[in-house]
N, C-alpha and C. Protein backbone atom coordinates (compact mmCIF):
# COMPACT_ATOMS: atom_id res chain seq x y z
N MET A 1 0.78 -1.19 -0.06
CA MET A 1 0.06 0.00 -0.04
C MET A 1 0.75 1.18 -0.02
N ASN A 2 2.12 1.17 0.47
CA ASN A 2 3.01 2.27 0.43
C ASN A 2 3.46 2.70 -0.92
N ARG A 3 3.10 1.94 -1.94
CA ARG A 3 3.30 2.26 -3.23
C ARG A 3 2.46 3.21 -3.82
N ILE A 4 1.20 3.54 -3.17
CA ILE A 4 0.17 4.30 -3.79
C ILE A 4 0.14 5.67 -3.09
N SER A 5 0.27 6.84 -3.84
CA SER A 5 0.16 8.08 -3.13
C SER A 5 -1.40 8.49 -3.03
N VAL A 6 -1.96 8.48 -1.96
CA VAL A 6 -3.29 8.95 -1.85
C VAL A 6 -3.57 10.23 -2.43
N LYS A 7 -2.61 11.15 -2.08
CA LYS A 7 -2.81 12.57 -2.44
C LYS A 7 -2.98 12.63 -3.97
N ALA A 8 -1.82 11.90 -4.80
CA ALA A 8 -1.92 11.97 -6.26
C ALA A 8 -3.13 11.40 -6.75
N VAL A 9 -3.62 10.31 -6.18
CA VAL A 9 -4.91 9.65 -6.62
C VAL A 9 -6.08 10.55 -6.43
N ALA A 10 -6.30 11.13 -5.20
CA ALA A 10 -7.23 12.09 -4.94
C ALA A 10 -7.15 13.36 -5.87
N ILE A 11 -6.30 14.02 -5.90
CA ILE A 11 -6.23 15.16 -6.78
C ILE A 11 -6.50 14.88 -8.39
N SER A 12 -5.83 13.87 -8.76
CA SER A 12 -5.91 13.55 -10.29
C SER A 12 -7.48 12.91 -10.48
N SER A 13 -8.01 12.26 -9.47
CA SER A 13 -9.35 11.79 -9.61
C SER A 13 -10.41 13.00 -9.82
N ILE A 14 -10.08 13.85 -8.81
CA ILE A 14 -11.11 15.26 -8.89
C ILE A 14 -10.92 15.87 -10.32
N VAL A 15 -9.60 16.05 -10.76
CA VAL A 15 -9.36 16.79 -12.01
C VAL A 15 -9.93 16.11 -13.00
N SER A 16 -9.79 14.53 -13.18
CA SER A 16 -10.31 13.86 -14.18
C SER A 16 -11.91 14.08 -14.18
N PHE A 17 -12.46 13.97 -13.10
CA PHE A 17 -13.92 14.12 -13.03
C PHE A 17 -14.33 15.50 -13.61
N VAL A 18 -13.71 16.54 -13.12
CA VAL A 18 -14.28 17.83 -13.43
C VAL A 18 -13.95 18.12 -14.84
N LEU A 19 -12.77 17.68 -15.25
CA LEU A 19 -12.45 17.95 -16.79
C LEU A 19 -13.43 17.09 -17.73
N MET A 20 -13.69 15.76 -17.21
CA MET A 20 -14.73 15.12 -18.10
C MET A 20 -16.00 15.72 -18.12
N VAL A 21 -16.56 16.26 -16.99
CA VAL A 21 -17.71 17.05 -17.00
C VAL A 21 -17.72 18.33 -17.96
N VAL A 22 -16.62 19.10 -17.83
CA VAL A 22 -16.46 20.29 -18.63
C VAL A 22 -16.21 19.83 -20.16
N PHE A 23 -15.52 18.73 -20.53
CA PHE A 23 -15.42 18.42 -21.80
C PHE A 23 -16.71 18.05 -22.39
N ILE A 24 -17.46 17.27 -21.74
CA ILE A 24 -18.73 16.71 -22.12
C ILE A 24 -19.67 17.91 -22.34
N ILE A 25 -19.55 18.93 -21.47
CA ILE A 25 -20.51 20.11 -21.78
C ILE A 25 -20.02 20.94 -22.99
N LEU A 26 -18.76 21.18 -23.06
CA LEU A 26 -18.25 21.88 -24.32
C LEU A 26 -18.63 21.20 -25.62
N LEU A 27 -18.24 19.84 -25.49
CA LEU A 27 -18.50 19.01 -26.69
C LEU A 27 -19.99 18.97 -27.02
N GLY A 28 -20.66 18.91 -26.05
CA GLY A 28 -22.16 18.81 -26.26
C GLY A 28 -22.78 20.20 -26.83
N MET A 29 -22.17 21.23 -26.51
CA MET A 29 -22.55 22.54 -26.93
C MET A 29 -21.99 22.70 -28.38
N ILE A 30 -21.00 22.07 -28.70
CA ILE A 30 -20.51 22.16 -30.24
C ILE A 30 -21.38 21.07 -30.88
N PHE A 31 -21.59 20.09 -30.52
CA PHE A 31 -22.52 19.26 -31.15
C PHE A 31 -23.86 19.68 -31.41
N ALA A 32 -24.51 20.59 -30.40
CA ALA A 32 -25.75 20.98 -30.69
C ALA A 32 -25.82 21.97 -31.80
N THR A 33 -24.83 22.73 -31.80
CA THR A 33 -24.78 23.75 -32.82
C THR A 33 -24.74 23.16 -34.28
N GLN A 34 -24.22 22.01 -34.41
CA GLN A 34 -24.30 21.19 -35.74
C GLN A 34 -25.57 20.41 -35.94
N PHE A 35 -26.30 20.29 -35.06
CA PHE A 35 -27.43 19.34 -35.09
C PHE A 35 -28.66 20.32 -35.48
N GLU A 36 -29.38 19.92 -36.47
CA GLU A 36 -30.71 20.54 -36.92
C GLU A 36 -31.95 19.79 -36.72
N GLY A 37 -33.05 20.31 -36.52
CA GLY A 37 -34.12 19.68 -36.47
C GLY A 37 -34.65 19.25 -37.79
N PRO A 38 -35.79 18.53 -37.96
CA PRO A 38 -36.39 18.20 -39.19
C PRO A 38 -36.92 19.27 -40.14
N ASP A 39 -37.16 20.46 -39.41
CA ASP A 39 -37.68 21.50 -40.31
C ASP A 39 -36.42 22.62 -40.60
N GLY A 40 -35.24 22.14 -40.30
CA GLY A 40 -34.03 22.94 -40.57
C GLY A 40 -33.51 23.85 -39.54
N GLY A 41 -34.31 23.86 -38.50
CA GLY A 41 -34.13 24.87 -37.37
C GLY A 41 -33.44 24.22 -36.25
N PRO A 42 -33.48 24.78 -35.12
CA PRO A 42 -32.81 24.01 -33.90
C PRO A 42 -33.52 22.81 -33.61
N GLY A 43 -32.72 21.79 -33.28
CA GLY A 43 -33.42 20.61 -33.06
C GLY A 43 -34.06 20.43 -31.53
N ASP A 44 -34.78 19.32 -31.25
CA ASP A 44 -35.40 19.23 -30.01
C ASP A 44 -34.11 18.72 -29.01
N GLN A 45 -34.23 19.27 -27.86
CA GLN A 45 -33.03 19.07 -26.99
C GLN A 45 -32.87 17.60 -26.56
N ALA A 46 -34.08 16.94 -26.32
CA ALA A 46 -33.83 15.51 -26.02
C ALA A 46 -33.35 14.79 -27.10
N ALA A 47 -33.78 15.13 -28.43
CA ALA A 47 -33.26 14.40 -29.61
C ALA A 47 -31.60 14.71 -29.72
N ILE A 48 -31.27 15.67 -29.41
CA ILE A 48 -29.84 16.16 -29.44
C ILE A 48 -29.06 15.42 -28.45
N ALA A 49 -29.55 15.34 -27.24
CA ALA A 49 -28.89 14.60 -26.18
C ALA A 49 -28.73 13.13 -26.41
N ALA A 50 -29.74 12.62 -26.94
CA ALA A 50 -29.86 11.23 -27.38
C ALA A 50 -28.79 10.97 -28.53
N ALA A 51 -28.73 11.88 -29.37
CA ALA A 51 -27.87 11.73 -30.69
C ALA A 51 -26.44 11.94 -30.27
N PHE A 52 -26.14 12.83 -29.17
CA PHE A 52 -24.80 13.18 -28.62
C PHE A 52 -24.30 11.81 -28.00
N GLU A 53 -25.17 11.25 -27.26
CA GLU A 53 -24.77 10.11 -26.48
C GLU A 53 -24.54 8.95 -27.48
N ALA A 54 -25.36 8.92 -28.38
CA ALA A 54 -25.10 7.78 -29.37
C ALA A 54 -24.07 8.00 -30.25
N SER A 55 -23.49 9.19 -30.49
CA SER A 55 -22.40 9.38 -31.29
C SER A 55 -21.06 9.18 -30.62
N TRP A 56 -20.02 8.76 -31.41
CA TRP A 56 -18.83 8.55 -30.66
C TRP A 56 -18.06 9.94 -30.55
N PHE A 57 -18.60 11.05 -31.06
CA PHE A 57 -18.02 12.27 -30.81
C PHE A 57 -17.71 12.72 -29.40
N SER A 58 -18.62 12.23 -28.49
CA SER A 58 -18.25 12.56 -27.12
C SER A 58 -17.29 11.75 -26.57
N LEU A 59 -16.69 10.76 -27.18
CA LEU A 59 -15.43 10.18 -26.55
C LEU A 59 -14.38 11.11 -26.48
N TRP A 60 -14.23 12.08 -27.19
CA TRP A 60 -13.12 13.22 -26.91
C TRP A 60 -13.09 13.61 -25.54
N ALA A 61 -14.26 13.41 -24.89
CA ALA A 61 -14.11 13.87 -23.35
C ALA A 61 -13.29 12.88 -22.59
N LEU A 62 -12.87 11.64 -23.13
CA LEU A 62 -11.94 10.94 -22.55
C LEU A 62 -10.51 11.37 -22.50
N LEU A 63 -10.25 12.47 -23.17
CA LEU A 63 -9.00 13.10 -23.08
C LEU A 63 -8.65 13.58 -21.71
N ALA A 64 -9.71 13.74 -20.96
CA ALA A 64 -9.75 14.26 -19.52
C ALA A 64 -8.87 13.00 -18.77
N ALA A 65 -9.20 11.92 -19.23
CA ALA A 65 -8.58 10.76 -18.33
C ALA A 65 -6.98 10.60 -18.64
N VAL A 66 -6.72 11.06 -19.95
CA VAL A 66 -5.24 11.06 -20.32
C VAL A 66 -4.58 12.20 -19.49
N ILE A 67 -5.17 13.20 -19.47
CA ILE A 67 -4.57 14.39 -18.70
C ILE A 67 -4.42 14.06 -17.28
N ALA A 68 -5.51 13.68 -16.65
CA ALA A 68 -5.58 13.30 -15.31
C ALA A 68 -4.48 12.13 -14.92
N GLY A 69 -4.27 11.39 -15.88
CA GLY A 69 -3.29 10.21 -15.71
C GLY A 69 -1.98 10.66 -15.55
N ALA A 70 -1.74 11.56 -16.45
CA ALA A 70 -0.38 12.22 -16.40
C ALA A 70 -0.23 13.02 -15.25
N LEU A 71 -1.16 13.75 -14.65
CA LEU A 71 -1.14 14.71 -13.47
C LEU A 71 -0.89 13.88 -12.26
N GLY A 72 -1.57 12.61 -12.15
CA GLY A 72 -1.48 11.61 -11.08
C GLY A 72 -0.07 11.10 -11.02
N ALA A 73 0.57 10.90 -12.18
CA ALA A 73 1.94 10.22 -12.32
C ALA A 73 2.87 11.34 -11.89
N ALA A 74 2.64 12.67 -12.20
CA ALA A 74 3.55 13.59 -12.04
C ALA A 74 3.53 14.11 -10.52
N ILE A 75 2.41 14.11 -9.93
CA ILE A 75 2.33 14.27 -8.45
C ILE A 75 2.92 13.13 -7.71
N ALA A 76 2.66 12.00 -8.08
CA ALA A 76 3.10 10.87 -7.16
C ALA A 76 4.74 10.69 -7.36
N GLY A 77 5.17 11.07 -8.52
CA GLY A 77 6.62 10.87 -8.88
C GLY A 77 7.11 9.39 -8.79
N ARG A 78 6.30 8.45 -8.66
CA ARG A 78 6.75 6.95 -8.72
C ARG A 78 5.62 6.27 -9.28
N HIS A 79 5.80 5.00 -9.83
CA HIS A 79 4.74 4.13 -10.33
C HIS A 79 3.71 4.96 -11.26
N ALA A 80 4.35 5.53 -12.26
CA ALA A 80 3.49 6.48 -13.10
C ALA A 80 2.33 5.69 -13.64
N ILE A 81 2.33 4.57 -14.21
CA ILE A 81 1.27 3.84 -14.94
C ILE A 81 0.31 3.40 -13.77
N LEU A 82 0.66 2.99 -12.66
CA LEU A 82 -0.32 2.56 -11.62
C LEU A 82 -1.23 3.86 -11.17
N HIS A 83 -0.53 4.98 -10.81
CA HIS A 83 -1.17 6.32 -10.57
C HIS A 83 -2.13 6.98 -11.66
N GLY A 84 -1.53 6.60 -12.88
CA GLY A 84 -2.52 7.01 -14.08
C GLY A 84 -3.54 6.20 -14.06
N ALA A 85 -3.52 4.94 -13.94
CA ALA A 85 -4.68 4.26 -14.00
C ALA A 85 -5.74 4.58 -12.77
N LEU A 86 -5.21 4.70 -11.64
CA LEU A 86 -6.05 5.12 -10.48
C LEU A 86 -6.57 6.41 -10.45
N SER A 87 -6.06 7.49 -11.42
CA SER A 87 -6.57 8.59 -11.51
C SER A 87 -8.04 8.62 -11.97
N ALA A 88 -8.47 7.60 -12.63
CA ALA A 88 -9.90 7.37 -13.15
C ALA A 88 -10.80 6.85 -12.19
N SER A 89 -10.45 6.63 -10.76
CA SER A 89 -11.22 5.92 -10.05
C SER A 89 -12.62 6.73 -9.61
N LEU A 90 -12.38 7.97 -9.58
CA LEU A 90 -13.83 8.58 -9.36
C LEU A 90 -14.68 8.43 -10.49
N ASN A 91 -14.16 8.64 -11.73
CA ASN A 91 -15.11 8.43 -12.90
C ASN A 91 -15.59 7.08 -12.96
N VAL A 92 -14.77 5.96 -12.54
CA VAL A 92 -15.33 4.63 -12.63
C VAL A 92 -16.42 4.44 -11.39
N VAL A 93 -16.14 5.01 -10.49
CA VAL A 93 -17.10 4.78 -9.29
C VAL A 93 -18.50 5.45 -9.79
N TRP A 94 -18.39 6.73 -10.42
CA TRP A 94 -19.51 7.46 -10.71
C TRP A 94 -20.29 6.69 -11.87
N GLY A 95 -19.35 6.21 -12.95
CA GLY A 95 -20.03 5.37 -13.78
C GLY A 95 -20.69 4.16 -13.47
N VAL A 96 -20.16 3.48 -12.73
CA VAL A 96 -20.89 2.26 -12.08
C VAL A 96 -22.19 2.86 -11.33
N PHE A 97 -22.23 3.61 -10.64
CA PHE A 97 -23.28 4.41 -9.99
C PHE A 97 -24.32 4.63 -11.04
N CYS A 98 -24.05 5.36 -11.97
CA CYS A 98 -24.90 5.78 -13.09
C CYS A 98 -25.52 4.60 -13.81
N LEU A 99 -24.72 3.70 -14.10
CA LEU A 99 -25.20 2.41 -14.78
C LEU A 99 -26.16 1.54 -14.00
N ILE A 100 -25.90 1.70 -12.47
CA ILE A 100 -26.95 0.89 -11.75
C ILE A 100 -28.20 1.77 -11.59
N PHE A 101 -28.14 3.03 -11.37
CA PHE A 101 -29.29 3.75 -11.00
C PHE A 101 -29.99 4.68 -12.14
N LEU A 102 -28.92 5.30 -12.96
CA LEU A 102 -29.53 6.21 -13.72
C LEU A 102 -29.57 6.04 -15.21
N ALA A 103 -28.56 5.37 -15.74
CA ALA A 103 -28.47 5.18 -17.36
C ALA A 103 -28.59 3.95 -17.69
N PRO A 104 -29.11 3.61 -19.02
CA PRO A 104 -29.28 2.20 -19.46
C PRO A 104 -27.83 1.68 -19.75
N LEU A 105 -27.63 0.48 -19.86
CA LEU A 105 -26.50 -0.27 -20.04
C LEU A 105 -26.44 -0.55 -21.74
N THR A 106 -25.37 0.21 -22.12
CA THR A 106 -25.25 0.30 -23.60
C THR A 106 -23.83 -0.12 -23.88
N LEU A 107 -23.53 -0.33 -25.10
CA LEU A 107 -22.18 -0.54 -25.71
C LEU A 107 -21.17 0.76 -25.29
N PHE A 108 -21.93 1.91 -25.52
CA PHE A 108 -21.26 3.25 -25.46
C PHE A 108 -20.81 3.38 -23.90
N SER A 109 -21.75 3.19 -23.02
CA SER A 109 -21.43 3.34 -21.64
C SER A 109 -20.35 2.48 -21.18
N MET A 110 -20.47 1.17 -21.47
CA MET A 110 -19.41 0.24 -21.12
C MET A 110 -18.21 0.56 -21.59
N THR A 111 -18.15 1.04 -22.95
CA THR A 111 -16.93 1.47 -23.52
C THR A 111 -16.33 2.64 -22.75
N VAL A 112 -17.07 3.68 -22.46
CA VAL A 112 -16.56 4.68 -21.63
C VAL A 112 -16.06 4.28 -20.15
N LEU A 113 -16.65 3.47 -19.67
CA LEU A 113 -16.28 2.90 -18.42
C LEU A 113 -15.05 2.21 -18.31
N ALA A 114 -14.83 1.22 -19.30
CA ALA A 114 -13.68 0.47 -19.43
C ALA A 114 -12.49 1.25 -20.04
N LEU A 115 -12.69 2.35 -20.90
CA LEU A 115 -11.57 3.18 -21.37
C LEU A 115 -11.00 4.09 -20.29
N ASN A 116 -11.74 4.54 -19.27
CA ASN A 116 -11.12 5.50 -18.36
C ASN A 116 -9.92 5.05 -17.74
N PRO A 117 -9.79 3.99 -16.99
CA PRO A 117 -8.61 3.50 -16.22
C PRO A 117 -7.34 3.29 -17.53
N LEU A 118 -7.85 2.74 -18.50
CA LEU A 118 -6.87 2.32 -19.60
C LEU A 118 -6.22 3.61 -20.13
N LEU A 119 -7.08 4.78 -20.39
CA LEU A 119 -6.41 5.99 -20.88
C LEU A 119 -5.67 6.73 -19.70
N GLY A 120 -6.11 6.52 -18.39
CA GLY A 120 -5.48 6.98 -17.48
C GLY A 120 -3.99 6.44 -17.24
N ALA A 121 -3.91 5.22 -17.39
CA ALA A 121 -2.55 4.50 -17.47
C ALA A 121 -1.84 5.02 -18.58
N PHE A 122 -2.53 5.17 -19.68
CA PHE A 122 -1.64 5.80 -20.79
C PHE A 122 -1.17 7.08 -20.59
N GLY A 123 -1.85 7.86 -19.94
CA GLY A 123 -1.44 9.24 -19.47
C GLY A 123 -0.18 9.19 -18.61
N GLY A 124 -0.27 8.18 -17.67
CA GLY A 124 0.88 7.96 -16.67
C GLY A 124 1.90 7.57 -17.68
N TRP A 125 1.95 6.64 -18.45
CA TRP A 125 2.98 6.12 -19.37
C TRP A 125 3.46 7.38 -20.11
N LEU A 126 2.74 8.15 -20.70
CA LEU A 126 3.17 9.27 -21.45
C LEU A 126 4.02 10.26 -20.51
N TRP A 127 3.56 10.38 -19.44
CA TRP A 127 4.44 11.16 -18.35
C TRP A 127 5.74 10.44 -18.12
N LEU A 128 5.73 9.15 -17.91
CA LEU A 128 6.94 8.52 -17.65
C LEU A 128 7.79 8.70 -18.94
N ARG A 129 7.41 8.60 -20.02
CA ARG A 129 8.27 8.76 -21.14
C ARG A 129 8.79 9.96 -21.30
N ARG A 130 7.89 11.07 -20.91
CA ARG A 130 8.48 12.46 -20.93
C ARG A 130 9.49 12.82 -20.20
N SER A 131 9.29 12.16 -18.85
CA SER A 131 10.40 12.46 -17.81
C SER A 131 11.68 11.86 -17.74
N LYS A 132 11.71 10.97 -18.69
CA LYS A 132 13.12 10.26 -18.84
C LYS A 132 14.24 11.18 -19.80
């Protein structure tokens, strides 16, 4: 257990979660400006939200996991890939909660849930490569 820096995991998890929310909001706003309704005007908000969730465009928000993974590795200063993967812990906990209580289980939601720790580890690996 002494291998894990609780401070690095806590800070990078919070940063990952906040960045993910900010990216989803910004990407959703960009997506909504490109989405037209059947009459050529602005589309229905529920339809836009469903189309955004169904599109793989929103996966750009997973860039937050890479950034947070690199941050966790930098703060910890050791075991970069482990701290990178653990930086997604808050996102994974929130994702499991949402899948149980709030959202339907879809391929998209499972992909996002599985990619968070993998991309966090990738961010830790990138930081490790950069720091050598």
